[in-house]
mmCIF file of all heavy atoms, coordinates in Angstrom:
data_MODEL
# 
_entry.id   MODEL 
# 
loop_
_atom_site.group_PDB 
_atom_site.id 
_atom_site.type_symbol 
_atom_site.label_atom_id 
_atom_site.label_alt_id 
_atom_site.label_comp_id 
_atom_site.label_asym_id 
_atom_site.label_entity_id 
_atom_site.label_seq_id 
_atom_site.pdbx_PDB_ins_code 
_atom_site.Cartn_x 
_atom_site.Cartn_y 
_atom_site.Cartn_z 
_atom_site.occupancy 
_atom_site.B_iso_or_equiv 
_atom_site.pdbx_formal_charge 
_atom_site.auth_seq_id 
_atom_site.auth_comp_id 
_atom_site.auth_asym_id 
_atom_site.auth_atom_id 
_atom_site.pdbx_PDB_model_num 
ATOM 1   N N   . LYS A 1 1  ? 12.321 1.388  11.817 1.00 0.00 ? 1  LYS A N   1 
ATOM 2   C CA  . LYS A 1 1  ? 12.761 0.987  13.161 1.00 0.00 ? 1  LYS A CA  1 
ATOM 3   C C   . LYS A 1 1  ? 12.963 -0.526 13.298 1.00 0.00 ? 1  LYS A C   1 
ATOM 4   O O   . LYS A 1 1  ? 13.721 -0.989 14.160 1.00 0.00 ? 1  LYS A O   1 
ATOM 5   C CB  . LYS A 1 1  ? 11.763 1.470  14.213 1.00 0.00 ? 1  LYS A CB  1 
ATOM 6   C CG  . LYS A 1 1  ? 10.374 0.883  14.094 1.00 0.00 ? 1  LYS A CG  1 
ATOM 7   C CD  . LYS A 1 1  ? 9.449  1.444  15.154 1.00 0.00 ? 1  LYS A CD  1 
ATOM 8   C CE  . LYS A 1 1  ? 8.037  0.866  15.034 1.00 0.00 ? 1  LYS A CE  1 
ATOM 9   N NZ  . LYS A 1 1  ? 7.993  -0.580 15.232 1.00 0.00 ? 1  LYS A NZ  1 
ATOM 10  N N   . ASP A 1 2  ? 12.302 -1.311 12.435 1.00 0.00 ? 2  ASP A N   1 
ATOM 11  C CA  . ASP A 1 2  ? 12.414 -2.757 12.524 1.00 0.00 ? 2  ASP A CA  1 
ATOM 12  C C   . ASP A 1 2  ? 13.398 -3.357 11.518 1.00 0.00 ? 2  ASP A C   1 
ATOM 13  O O   . ASP A 1 2  ? 13.516 -4.585 11.410 1.00 0.00 ? 2  ASP A O   1 
ATOM 14  C CB  . ASP A 1 2  ? 11.039 -3.405 12.318 1.00 0.00 ? 2  ASP A CB  1 
ATOM 15  C CG  . ASP A 1 2  ? 10.061 -3.043 13.422 1.00 0.00 ? 2  ASP A CG  1 
ATOM 16  O OD1 . ASP A 1 2  ? 10.498 -2.921 14.585 1.00 0.00 ? 2  ASP A OD1 1 
ATOM 17  O OD2 . ASP A 1 2  ? 8.860  -2.871 13.133 1.00 0.00 ? 2  ASP A OD2 1 
ATOM 18  N N   . SER A 1 3  ? 14.104 -2.518 10.773 1.00 0.00 ? 3  SER A N   1 
ATOM 19  C CA  . SER A 1 3  ? 15.059 -3.014 9.784  1.00 0.00 ? 3  SER A CA  1 
ATOM 20  C C   . SER A 1 3  ? 16.312 -3.564 10.459 1.00 0.00 ? 3  SER A C   1 
ATOM 21  O O   . SER A 1 3  ? 16.711 -3.105 11.525 1.00 0.00 ? 3  SER A O   1 
ATOM 22  C CB  . SER A 1 3  ? 15.450 -1.897 8.803  1.00 0.00 ? 3  SER A CB  1 
ATOM 23  O OG  . SER A 1 3  ? 14.374 -1.586 7.943  1.00 0.00 ? 3  SER A OG  1 
ATOM 24  N N   . GLN A 1 4  ? 16.911 -4.560 9.798  1.00 0.00 ? 4  GLN A N   1 
ATOM 25  C CA  . GLN A 1 4  ? 18.180 -5.129 10.244 1.00 0.00 ? 4  GLN A CA  1 
ATOM 26  C C   . GLN A 1 4  ? 19.214 -4.865 9.155  1.00 0.00 ? 4  GLN A C   1 
ATOM 27  O O   . GLN A 1 4  ? 19.128 -5.440 8.070  1.00 0.00 ? 4  GLN A O   1 
ATOM 28  C CB  . GLN A 1 4  ? 18.034 -6.633 10.475 1.00 0.00 ? 4  GLN A CB  1 
ATOM 29  C CG  . GLN A 1 4  ? 16.981 -6.997 11.508 1.00 0.00 ? 4  GLN A CG  1 
ATOM 30  C CD  . GLN A 1 4  ? 16.759 -8.486 11.595 1.00 0.00 ? 4  GLN A CD  1 
ATOM 31  O OE1 . GLN A 1 4  ? 17.713 -9.264 11.557 1.00 0.00 ? 4  GLN A OE1 1 
ATOM 32  N NE2 . GLN A 1 4  ? 15.507 -8.895 11.693 1.00 0.00 ? 4  GLN A NE2 1 
ATOM 33  N N   . VAL A 1 5  ? 20.135 -3.981 9.441  1.00 0.00 ? 5  VAL A N   1 
ATOM 34  C CA  . VAL A 1 5  ? 21.052 -3.497 8.411  1.00 0.00 ? 5  VAL A CA  1 
ATOM 35  C C   . VAL A 1 5  ? 22.496 -3.748 8.814  1.00 0.00 ? 5  VAL A C   1 
ATOM 36  O O   . VAL A 1 5  ? 22.921 -3.362 9.902  1.00 0.00 ? 5  VAL A O   1 
ATOM 37  C CB  . VAL A 1 5  ? 20.841 -1.990 8.144  1.00 0.00 ? 5  VAL A CB  1 
ATOM 38  C CG1 . VAL A 1 5  ? 21.788 -1.498 7.077  1.00 0.00 ? 5  VAL A CG1 1 
ATOM 39  C CG2 . VAL A 1 5  ? 19.391 -1.712 7.751  1.00 0.00 ? 5  VAL A CG2 1 
ATOM 40  N N   . GLU A 1 6  ? 23.226 -4.400 7.926  1.00 0.00 ? 6  GLU A N   1 
ATOM 41  C CA  . GLU A 1 6  ? 24.652 -4.631 8.132  1.00 0.00 ? 6  GLU A CA  1 
ATOM 42  C C   . GLU A 1 6  ? 25.418 -4.242 6.886  1.00 0.00 ? 6  GLU A C   1 
ATOM 43  O O   . GLU A 1 6  ? 25.359 -4.930 5.874  1.00 0.00 ? 6  GLU A O   1 
ATOM 44  C CB  . GLU A 1 6  ? 24.912 -6.118 8.418  1.00 0.00 ? 6  GLU A CB  1 
ATOM 45  C CG  . GLU A 1 6  ? 24.465 -6.588 9.785  1.00 0.00 ? 6  GLU A CG  1 
ATOM 46  C CD  . GLU A 1 6  ? 24.852 -8.032 10.014 1.00 0.00 ? 6  GLU A CD  1 
ATOM 47  O OE1 . GLU A 1 6  ? 25.895 -8.443 9.477  1.00 0.00 ? 6  GLU A OE1 1 
ATOM 48  O OE2 . GLU A 1 6  ? 24.104 -8.737 10.705 1.00 0.00 ? 6  GLU A OE2 1 
ATOM 49  N N   . TYR A 1 7  ? 26.094 -3.114 6.921  1.00 0.00 ? 7  TYR A N   1 
ATOM 50  C CA  . TYR A 1 7  ? 27.035 -2.789 5.866  1.00 0.00 ? 7  TYR A CA  1 
ATOM 51  C C   . TYR A 1 7  ? 28.031 -1.769 6.387  1.00 0.00 ? 7  TYR A C   1 
ATOM 52  O O   . TYR A 1 7  ? 27.848 -1.210 7.467  1.00 0.00 ? 7  TYR A O   1 
ATOM 53  C CB  . TYR A 1 7  ? 26.346 -2.334 4.574  1.00 0.00 ? 7  TYR A CB  1 
ATOM 54  C CG  . TYR A 1 7  ? 25.385 -1.187 4.665  1.00 0.00 ? 7  TYR A CG  1 
ATOM 55  C CD1 . TYR A 1 7  ? 25.825 0.120  4.859  1.00 0.00 ? 7  TYR A CD1 1 
ATOM 56  C CD2 . TYR A 1 7  ? 24.023 -1.396 4.494  1.00 0.00 ? 7  TYR A CD2 1 
ATOM 57  C CE1 . TYR A 1 7  ? 24.941 1.174  4.894  1.00 0.00 ? 7  TYR A CE1 1 
ATOM 58  C CE2 . TYR A 1 7  ? 23.136 -0.337 4.540  1.00 0.00 ? 7  TYR A CE2 1 
ATOM 59  C CZ  . TYR A 1 7  ? 23.589 0.945  4.736  1.00 0.00 ? 7  TYR A CZ  1 
ATOM 60  O OH  . TYR A 1 7  ? 22.710 1.987  4.788  1.00 0.00 ? 7  TYR A OH  1 
ATOM 61  N N   . PRO A 1 8  ? 29.125 -1.539 5.652  1.00 0.00 ? 8  PRO A N   1 
ATOM 62  C CA  . PRO A 1 8  ? 30.241 -0.740 6.173  1.00 0.00 ? 8  PRO A CA  1 
ATOM 63  C C   . PRO A 1 8  ? 29.832 0.667  6.613  1.00 0.00 ? 8  PRO A C   1 
ATOM 64  O O   . PRO A 1 8  ? 28.905 1.262  6.056  1.00 0.00 ? 8  PRO A O   1 
ATOM 65  C CB  . PRO A 1 8  ? 31.202 -0.682 4.973  1.00 0.00 ? 8  PRO A CB  1 
ATOM 66  C CG  . PRO A 1 8  ? 30.884 -1.892 4.181  1.00 0.00 ? 8  PRO A CG  1 
ATOM 67  C CD  . PRO A 1 8  ? 29.408 -2.071 4.316  1.00 0.00 ? 8  PRO A CD  1 
ATOM 68  N N   . PRO A 1 9  ? 30.543 1.203  7.622  1.00 0.00 ? 9  PRO A N   1 
ATOM 69  C CA  . PRO A 1 9  ? 30.246 2.544  8.135  1.00 0.00 ? 9  PRO A CA  1 
ATOM 70  C C   . PRO A 1 9  ? 30.211 3.612  7.047  1.00 0.00 ? 9  PRO A C   1 
ATOM 71  O O   . PRO A 1 9  ? 29.374 4.522  7.091  1.00 0.00 ? 9  PRO A O   1 
ATOM 72  C CB  . PRO A 1 9  ? 31.385 2.799  9.124  1.00 0.00 ? 9  PRO A CB  1 
ATOM 73  C CG  . PRO A 1 9  ? 31.791 1.436  9.576  1.00 0.00 ? 9  PRO A CG  1 
ATOM 74  C CD  . PRO A 1 9  ? 31.627 0.555  8.380  1.00 0.00 ? 9  PRO A CD  1 
ATOM 75  N N   . LEU A 1 10 ? 31.114 3.519  6.054  1.00 0.00 ? 10 LEU A N   1 
ATOM 76  C CA  . LEU A 1 10 ? 31.134 4.512  4.991  1.00 0.00 ? 10 LEU A CA  1 
ATOM 77  C C   . LEU A 1 10 ? 29.832 4.508  4.225  1.00 0.00 ? 10 LEU A C   1 
ATOM 78  O O   . LEU A 1 10 ? 29.303 5.572  3.875  1.00 0.00 ? 10 LEU A O   1 
ATOM 79  C CB  . LEU A 1 10 ? 32.318 4.258  4.039  1.00 0.00 ? 10 LEU A CB  1 
ATOM 80  C CG  . LEU A 1 10 ? 32.452 5.245  2.868  1.00 0.00 ? 10 LEU A CG  1 
ATOM 81  C CD1 . LEU A 1 10 ? 32.617 6.671  3.392  1.00 0.00 ? 10 LEU A CD1 1 
ATOM 82  C CD2 . LEU A 1 10 ? 33.628 4.862  1.982  1.00 0.00 ? 10 LEU A CD2 1 
ATOM 83  N N   . ARG A 1 11 ? 29.289 3.317  3.950  1.00 0.00 ? 11 ARG A N   1 
ATOM 84  C CA  . ARG A 1 11 ? 28.015 3.225  3.249  1.00 0.00 ? 11 ARG A CA  1 
ATOM 85  C C   . ARG A 1 11 ? 26.898 3.846  4.085  1.00 0.00 ? 11 ARG A C   1 
ATOM 86  O O   . ARG A 1 11 ? 26.001 4.502  3.556  1.00 0.00 ? 11 ARG A O   1 
ATOM 87  C CB  . ARG A 1 11 ? 27.684 1.758  2.944  1.00 0.00 ? 11 ARG A CB  1 
ATOM 88  C CG  . ARG A 1 11 ? 28.405 1.168  1.745  1.00 0.00 ? 11 ARG A CG  1 
ATOM 89  C CD  . ARG A 1 11 ? 27.750 1.560  0.431  1.00 0.00 ? 11 ARG A CD  1 
ATOM 90  N NE  . ARG A 1 11 ? 26.413 1.024  0.299  1.00 0.00 ? 11 ARG A NE  1 
ATOM 91  C CZ  . ARG A 1 11 ? 26.114 -0.138 -0.266 1.00 0.00 ? 11 ARG A CZ  1 
ATOM 92  N NH1 . ARG A 1 11 ? 27.092 -0.912 -0.731 1.00 0.00 ? 11 ARG A NH1 1 
ATOM 93  N NH2 . ARG A 1 11 ? 24.870 -0.549 -0.372 1.00 0.00 ? 11 ARG A NH2 1 
ATOM 94  N N   . LYS A 1 12 ? 26.936 3.644  5.390  1.00 0.00 ? 12 LYS A N   1 
ATOM 95  C CA  . LYS A 1 12 ? 25.916 4.217  6.266  1.00 0.00 ? 12 LYS A CA  1 
ATOM 96  C C   . LYS A 1 12 ? 25.975 5.747  6.235  1.00 0.00 ? 12 LYS A C   1 
ATOM 97  O O   . LYS A 1 12 ? 24.949 6.427  6.176  1.00 0.00 ? 12 LYS A O   1 
ATOM 98  C CB  . LYS A 1 12 ? 26.104 3.722  7.696  1.00 0.00 ? 12 LYS A CB  1 
ATOM 99  C CG  . LYS A 1 12 ? 25.783 2.251  7.880  1.00 0.00 ? 12 LYS A CG  1 
ATOM 100 C CD  . LYS A 1 12 ? 25.927 1.848  9.338  1.00 0.00 ? 12 LYS A CD  1 
ATOM 101 C CE  . LYS A 1 12 ? 25.586 0.366  9.526  1.00 0.00 ? 12 LYS A CE  1 
ATOM 102 N NZ  . LYS A 1 12 ? 25.701 -0.056 10.939 1.00 0.00 ? 12 LYS A NZ  1 
ATOM 103 N N   . ILE A 1 13 ? 27.194 6.277  6.273  1.00 0.00 ? 13 ILE A N   1 
ATOM 104 C CA  . ILE A 1 13 ? 27.371 7.732  6.253  1.00 0.00 ? 13 ILE A CA  1 
ATOM 105 C C   . ILE A 1 13 ? 26.877 8.297  4.923  1.00 0.00 ? 13 ILE A C   1 
ATOM 106 O O   . ILE A 1 13 ? 26.170 9.315  4.884  1.00 0.00 ? 13 ILE A O   1 
ATOM 107 C CB  . ILE A 1 13 ? 28.853 8.097  6.483  1.00 0.00 ? 13 ILE A CB  1 
ATOM 108 C CG1 . ILE A 1 13 ? 29.269 7.715  7.910  1.00 0.00 ? 13 ILE A CG1 1 
ATOM 109 C CG2 . ILE A 1 13 ? 29.084 9.586  6.242  1.00 0.00 ? 13 ILE A CG2 1 
ATOM 110 C CD1 . ILE A 1 13 ? 30.761 7.816  8.158  1.00 0.00 ? 13 ILE A CD1 1 
ATOM 111 N N   . MET A 1 14 ? 27.223 7.620  3.832  1.00 0.00 ? 14 MET A N   1 
ATOM 112 C CA  . MET A 1 14 ? 26.783 8.068  2.511  1.00 0.00 ? 14 MET A CA  1 
ATOM 113 C C   . MET A 1 14 ? 25.264 8.049  2.396  1.00 0.00 ? 14 MET A C   1 
ATOM 114 O O   . MET A 1 14 ? 24.640 8.988  1.885  1.00 0.00 ? 14 MET A O   1 
ATOM 115 C CB  . MET A 1 14 ? 27.410 7.186  1.429  1.00 0.00 ? 14 MET A CB  1 
ATOM 116 C CG  . MET A 1 14 ? 28.914 7.383  1.265  1.00 0.00 ? 14 MET A CG  1 
ATOM 117 S SD  . MET A 1 14 ? 29.698 6.065  0.305  1.00 0.00 ? 14 MET A SD  1 
ATOM 118 C CE  . MET A 1 14 ? 28.789 6.149  -1.225 1.00 0.00 ? 14 MET A CE  1 
ATOM 119 N N   . SER A 1 15 ? 24.650 6.981  2.892  1.00 0.00 ? 15 SER A N   1 
ATOM 120 C CA  . SER A 1 15 ? 23.193 6.848  2.823  1.00 0.00 ? 15 SER A CA  1 
ATOM 121 C C   . SER A 1 15 ? 22.503 7.931  3.644  1.00 0.00 ? 15 SER A C   1 
ATOM 122 O O   . SER A 1 15 ? 21.521 8.535  3.196  1.00 0.00 ? 15 SER A O   1 
ATOM 123 C CB  . SER A 1 15 ? 22.771 5.463  3.323  1.00 0.00 ? 15 SER A CB  1 
ATOM 124 O OG  . SER A 1 15 ? 23.237 4.447  2.475  1.00 0.00 ? 15 SER A OG  1 
ATOM 125 N N   . MET A 1 16 ? 23.015 8.179  4.841  1.00 0.00 ? 16 MET A N   1 
ATOM 126 C CA  . MET A 1 16 ? 22.412 9.198  5.685  1.00 0.00 ? 16 MET A CA  1 
ATOM 127 C C   . MET A 1 16 ? 22.555 10.593 5.074  1.00 0.00 ? 16 MET A C   1 
ATOM 128 O O   . MET A 1 16 ? 21.617 11.398 5.079  1.00 0.00 ? 16 MET A O   1 
ATOM 129 C CB  . MET A 1 16 ? 23.055 9.164  7.084  1.00 0.00 ? 16 MET A CB  1 
ATOM 130 C CG  . MET A 1 16 ? 22.486 10.214 8.038  1.00 0.00 ? 16 MET A CG  1 
ATOM 131 S SD  . MET A 1 16 ? 20.698 10.056 8.303  1.00 0.00 ? 16 MET A SD  1 
ATOM 132 C CE  . MET A 1 16 ? 20.644 8.543  9.270  1.00 0.00 ? 16 MET A CE  1 
ATOM 133 N N   . GLY A 1 17 ? 23.731 10.859 4.523  1.00 0.00 ? 17 GLY A N   1 
ATOM 134 C CA  . GLY A 1 17 ? 23.948 12.157 3.899  1.00 0.00 ? 17 GLY A CA  1 
ATOM 135 C C   . GLY A 1 17 ? 23.019 12.385 2.712  1.00 0.00 ? 17 GLY A C   1 
ATOM 136 O O   . GLY A 1 17 ? 22.439 13.472 2.555  1.00 0.00 ? 17 GLY A O   1 
ATOM 137 N N   . TYR A 1 18 ? 22.854 11.355 1.897  1.00 0.00 ? 18 TYR A N   1 
ATOM 138 C CA  . TYR A 1 18 ? 21.972 11.490 0.731  1.00 0.00 ? 18 TYR A CA  1 
ATOM 139 C C   . TYR A 1 18 ? 20.511 11.603 1.158  1.00 0.00 ? 18 TYR A C   1 
ATOM 140 O O   . TYR A 1 18 ? 19.737 12.340 0.558  1.00 0.00 ? 18 TYR A O   1 
ATOM 141 C CB  . TYR A 1 18 ? 22.163 10.296 -0.197 1.00 0.00 ? 18 TYR A CB  1 
ATOM 142 C CG  . TYR A 1 18 ? 21.543 10.481 -1.566 1.00 0.00 ? 18 TYR A CG  1 
ATOM 143 C CD1 . TYR A 1 18 ? 21.874 11.571 -2.362 1.00 0.00 ? 18 TYR A CD1 1 
ATOM 144 C CD2 . TYR A 1 18 ? 20.623 9.556  -2.054 1.00 0.00 ? 18 TYR A CD2 1 
ATOM 145 C CE1 . TYR A 1 18 ? 21.313 11.737 -3.618 1.00 0.00 ? 18 TYR A CE1 1 
ATOM 146 C CE2 . TYR A 1 18 ? 20.050 9.723  -3.315 1.00 0.00 ? 18 TYR A CE2 1 
ATOM 147 C CZ  . TYR A 1 18 ? 20.402 10.811 -4.086 1.00 0.00 ? 18 TYR A CZ  1 
ATOM 148 O OH  . TYR A 1 18 ? 19.830 10.982 -5.325 1.00 0.00 ? 18 TYR A OH  1 
ATOM 149 N N   . TYR A 1 19 ? 20.148 10.900 2.242  1.00 0.00 ? 19 TYR A N   1 
ATOM 150 C CA  . TYR A 1 19 ? 18.784 11.008 2.777  1.00 0.00 ? 19 TYR A CA  1 
ATOM 151 C C   . TYR A 1 19 ? 18.476 12.446 3.198  1.00 0.00 ? 19 TYR A C   1 
ATOM 152 O O   . TYR A 1 19 ? 17.426 13.001 2.863  1.00 0.00 ? 19 TYR A O   1 
ATOM 153 C CB  . TYR A 1 19 ? 18.603 10.060 3.963  1.00 0.00 ? 19 TYR A CB  1 
ATOM 154 C CG  . TYR A 1 19 ? 17.515 10.479 4.916  1.00 0.00 ? 19 TYR A CG  1 
ATOM 155 C CD1 . TYR A 1 19 ? 16.169 10.418 4.553  1.00 0.00 ? 19 TYR A CD1 1 
ATOM 156 C CD2 . TYR A 1 19 ? 17.829 10.977 6.186  1.00 0.00 ? 19 TYR A CD2 1 
ATOM 157 C CE1 . TYR A 1 19 ? 15.171 10.825 5.423  1.00 0.00 ? 19 TYR A CE1 1 
ATOM 158 C CE2 . TYR A 1 19 ? 16.839 11.389 7.057  1.00 0.00 ? 19 TYR A CE2 1 
ATOM 159 C CZ  . TYR A 1 19 ? 15.513 11.309 6.678  1.00 0.00 ? 19 TYR A CZ  1 
ATOM 160 O OH  . TYR A 1 19 ? 14.533 11.725 7.538  1.00 0.00 ? 19 TYR A OH  1 
ATOM 161 N N   . VAL A 1 20 ? 19.399 13.046 3.954  1.00 0.00 ? 20 VAL A N   1 
ATOM 162 C CA  . VAL A 1 20 ? 19.189 14.425 4.407  1.00 0.00 ? 20 VAL A CA  1 
ATOM 163 C C   . VAL A 1 20 ? 19.080 15.365 3.215  1.00 0.00 ? 20 VAL A C   1 
ATOM 164 O O   . VAL A 1 20 ? 18.208 16.256 3.171  1.00 0.00 ? 20 VAL A O   1 
ATOM 165 C CB  . VAL A 1 20 ? 20.336 14.861 5.342  1.00 0.00 ? 20 VAL A CB  1 
ATOM 166 C CG1 . VAL A 1 20 ? 20.228 16.351 5.666  1.00 0.00 ? 20 VAL A CG1 1 
ATOM 167 C CG2 . VAL A 1 20 ? 20.324 14.029 6.623  1.00 0.00 ? 20 VAL A CG2 1 
ATOM 168 N N   . PHE A 1 21 ? 19.940 15.161 2.238  1.00 0.00 ? 21 PHE A N   1 
ATOM 169 C CA  . PHE A 1 21 ? 19.916 15.995 1.033  1.00 0.00 ? 21 PHE A CA  1 
ATOM 170 C C   . PHE A 1 21 ? 18.568 15.896 0.319  1.00 0.00 ? 21 PHE A C   1 
ATOM 171 O O   . PHE A 1 21 ? 17.958 16.911 -0.042 1.00 0.00 ? 21 PHE A O   1 
ATOM 172 C CB  . PHE A 1 21 ? 21.047 15.547 0.104  1.00 0.00 ? 21 PHE A CB  1 
ATOM 173 C CG  . PHE A 1 21 ? 20.974 16.117 -1.289 1.00 0.00 ? 21 PHE A CG  1 
ATOM 174 C CD1 . PHE A 1 21 ? 21.219 17.459 -1.526 1.00 0.00 ? 21 PHE A CD1 1 
ATOM 175 C CD2 . PHE A 1 21 ? 20.660 15.294 -2.367 1.00 0.00 ? 21 PHE A CD2 1 
ATOM 176 C CE1 . PHE A 1 21 ? 21.149 17.979 -2.810 1.00 0.00 ? 21 PHE A CE1 1 
ATOM 177 C CE2 . PHE A 1 21 ? 20.589 15.808 -3.651 1.00 0.00 ? 21 PHE A CE2 1 
ATOM 178 C CZ  . PHE A 1 21 ? 20.835 17.153 -3.873 1.00 0.00 ? 21 PHE A CZ  1 
ATOM 179 N N   . LEU A 1 22 ? 18.072 14.674 0.123  1.00 0.00 ? 22 LEU A N   1 
ATOM 180 C CA  . LEU A 1 22 ? 16.793 14.480 -0.577 1.00 0.00 ? 22 LEU A CA  1 
ATOM 181 C C   . LEU A 1 22 ? 15.622 15.016 0.242  1.00 0.00 ? 22 LEU A C   1 
ATOM 182 O O   . LEU A 1 22 ? 14.662 15.553 -0.324 1.00 0.00 ? 22 LEU A O   1 
ATOM 183 C CB  . LEU A 1 22 ? 16.575 13.001 -0.892 1.00 0.00 ? 22 LEU A CB  1 
ATOM 184 C CG  . LEU A 1 22 ? 17.523 12.375 -1.913 1.00 0.00 ? 22 LEU A CG  1 
ATOM 185 C CD1 . LEU A 1 22 ? 17.202 10.895 -2.103 1.00 0.00 ? 22 LEU A CD1 1 
ATOM 186 C CD2 . LEU A 1 22 ? 17.434 13.099 -3.255 1.00 0.00 ? 22 LEU A CD2 1 
ATOM 187 N N   . LYS A 1 23 ? 15.713 14.869 1.548  1.00 0.00 ? 23 LYS A N   1 
ATOM 188 C CA  . LYS A 1 23 ? 14.652 15.381 2.421  1.00 0.00 ? 23 LYS A CA  1 
ATOM 189 C C   . LYS A 1 23 ? 14.523 16.888 2.274  1.00 0.00 ? 23 LYS A C   1 
ATOM 190 O O   . LYS A 1 23 ? 13.406 17.433 2.169  1.00 0.00 ? 23 LYS A O   1 
ATOM 191 C CB  . LYS A 1 23 ? 14.973 15.022 3.870  1.00 0.00 ? 23 LYS A CB  1 
ATOM 192 C CG  . LYS A 1 23 ? 13.859 15.317 4.860  1.00 0.00 ? 23 LYS A CG  1 
ATOM 193 C CD  . LYS A 1 23 ? 12.768 14.294 4.761  1.00 0.00 ? 23 LYS A CD  1 
ATOM 194 C CE  . LYS A 1 23 ? 11.734 14.458 5.851  1.00 0.00 ? 23 LYS A CE  1 
ATOM 195 N NZ  . LYS A 1 23 ? 10.623 13.482 5.710  1.00 0.00 ? 23 LYS A NZ  1 
ATOM 196 N N   . LEU A 1 24 ? 15.645 17.569 2.248  1.00 0.00 ? 24 LEU A N   1 
ATOM 197 C CA  . LEU A 1 24 ? 15.639 19.021 2.107  1.00 0.00 ? 24 LEU A CA  1 
ATOM 198 C C   . LEU A 1 24 ? 15.171 19.440 0.710  1.00 0.00 ? 24 LEU A C   1 
ATOM 199 O O   . LEU A 1 24 ? 14.455 20.432 0.548  1.00 0.00 ? 24 LEU A O   1 
ATOM 200 C CB  . LEU A 1 24 ? 17.034 19.587 2.384  1.00 0.00 ? 24 LEU A CB  1 
ATOM 201 C CG  . LEU A 1 24 ? 17.538 19.459 3.826  1.00 0.00 ? 24 LEU A CG  1 
ATOM 202 C CD1 . LEU A 1 24 ? 19.000 19.868 3.910  1.00 0.00 ? 24 LEU A CD1 1 
ATOM 203 C CD2 . LEU A 1 24 ? 16.687 20.302 4.766  1.00 0.00 ? 24 LEU A CD2 1 
ATOM 204 N N   . LEU A 1 25 ? 15.572 18.664 -0.298 1.00 0.00 ? 25 LEU A N   1 
ATOM 205 C CA  . LEU A 1 25 ? 15.274 19.034 -1.676 1.00 0.00 ? 25 LEU A CA  1 
ATOM 206 C C   . LEU A 1 25 ? 13.830 18.752 -2.058 1.00 0.00 ? 25 LEU A C   1 
ATOM 207 O O   . LEU A 1 25 ? 13.165 19.599 -2.686 1.00 0.00 ? 25 LEU A O   1 
ATOM 208 C CB  . LEU A 1 25 ? 16.219 18.282 -2.628 1.00 0.00 ? 25 LEU A CB  1 
ATOM 209 C CG  . LEU A 1 25 ? 16.177 18.694 -4.110 1.00 0.00 ? 25 LEU A CG  1 
ATOM 210 C CD1 . LEU A 1 25 ? 16.588 20.152 -4.274 1.00 0.00 ? 25 LEU A CD1 1 
ATOM 211 C CD2 . LEU A 1 25 ? 17.109 17.789 -4.919 1.00 0.00 ? 25 LEU A CD2 1 
ATOM 212 N N   . PHE A 1 26 ? 13.318 17.577 -1.684 1.00 0.00 ? 26 PHE A N   1 
ATOM 213 C CA  . PHE A 1 26 ? 11.988 17.167 -2.137 1.00 0.00 ? 26 PHE A CA  1 
ATOM 214 C C   . PHE A 1 26 ? 10.901 17.264 -1.062 1.00 0.00 ? 26 PHE A C   1 
ATOM 215 O O   . PHE A 1 26 ? 9.720  17.355 -1.396 1.00 0.00 ? 26 PHE A O   1 
ATOM 216 C CB  . PHE A 1 26 ? 12.029 15.722 -2.661 1.00 0.00 ? 26 PHE A CB  1 
ATOM 217 C CG  . PHE A 1 26 ? 12.771 15.573 -3.953 1.00 0.00 ? 26 PHE A CG  1 
ATOM 218 C CD1 . PHE A 1 26 ? 14.132 15.285 -3.960 1.00 0.00 ? 26 PHE A CD1 1 
ATOM 219 C CD2 . PHE A 1 26 ? 12.129 15.729 -5.177 1.00 0.00 ? 26 PHE A CD2 1 
ATOM 220 C CE1 . PHE A 1 26 ? 14.824 15.140 -5.153 1.00 0.00 ? 26 PHE A CE1 1 
ATOM 221 C CE2 . PHE A 1 26 ? 12.811 15.587 -6.365 1.00 0.00 ? 26 PHE A CE2 1 
ATOM 222 C CZ  . PHE A 1 26 ? 14.162 15.295 -6.359 1.00 0.00 ? 26 PHE A CZ  1 
ATOM 223 N N   . GLY A 1 27 ? 11.292 17.189 0.197  1.00 0.00 ? 27 GLY A N   1 
ATOM 224 C CA  . GLY A 1 27 ? 10.307 17.304 1.262  1.00 0.00 ? 27 GLY A CA  1 
ATOM 225 C C   . GLY A 1 27 ? 9.348  16.133 1.365  1.00 0.00 ? 27 GLY A C   1 
ATOM 226 O O   . GLY A 1 27 ? 8.260  16.269 1.943  1.00 0.00 ? 27 GLY A O   1 
ATOM 227 N N   . LEU A 1 28 ? 9.699  14.974 0.819  1.00 0.00 ? 28 LEU A N   1 
ATOM 228 C CA  . LEU A 1 28 ? 8.826  13.811 0.907  1.00 0.00 ? 28 LEU A CA  1 
ATOM 229 C C   . LEU A 1 28 ? 8.780  13.291 2.343  1.00 0.00 ? 28 LEU A C   1 
ATOM 230 O O   . LEU A 1 28 ? 9.769  13.329 3.055  1.00 0.00 ? 28 LEU A O   1 
ATOM 231 C CB  . LEU A 1 28 ? 9.321  12.692 -0.014 1.00 0.00 ? 28 LEU A CB  1 
ATOM 232 C CG  . LEU A 1 28 ? 9.344  12.984 -1.519 1.00 0.00 ? 28 LEU A CG  1 
ATOM 233 C CD1 . LEU A 1 28 ? 9.893  11.782 -2.277 1.00 0.00 ? 28 LEU A CD1 1 
ATOM 234 C CD2 . LEU A 1 28 ? 7.955  13.328 -2.032 1.00 0.00 ? 28 LEU A CD2 1 
ATOM 235 N N   . LYS A 1 29 ? 7.631  12.782 2.730  1.00 0.00 ? 29 LYS A N   1 
ATOM 236 C CA  . LYS A 1 29 ? 7.472  12.259 4.084  1.00 0.00 ? 29 LYS A CA  1 
ATOM 237 C C   . LYS A 1 29 ? 7.914  10.790 4.135  1.00 0.00 ? 29 LYS A C   1 
ATOM 238 O O   . LYS A 1 29 ? 7.162  9.896  4.529  1.00 0.00 ? 29 LYS A O   1 
ATOM 239 C CB  . LYS A 1 29 ? 6.019  12.402 4.534  1.00 0.00 ? 29 LYS A CB  1 
ATOM 240 C CG  . LYS A 1 29 ? 5.573  13.849 4.626  1.00 0.00 ? 29 LYS A CG  1 
ATOM 241 C CD  . LYS A 1 29 ? 4.113  13.952 5.022  1.00 0.00 ? 29 LYS A CD  1 
ATOM 242 C CE  . LYS A 1 29 ? 3.671  15.411 5.106  1.00 0.00 ? 29 LYS A CE  1 
ATOM 243 N NZ  . LYS A 1 29 ? 2.225  15.525 5.469  1.00 0.00 ? 29 LYS A NZ  1 
# 
């Protein structure tokens, strides 16, 4: 919540998609 992130929208979409994928696959908190 306290991070300051600036990079292109495509990178944000890619990061979020991979996060969801890893969350479902590994279940790490």
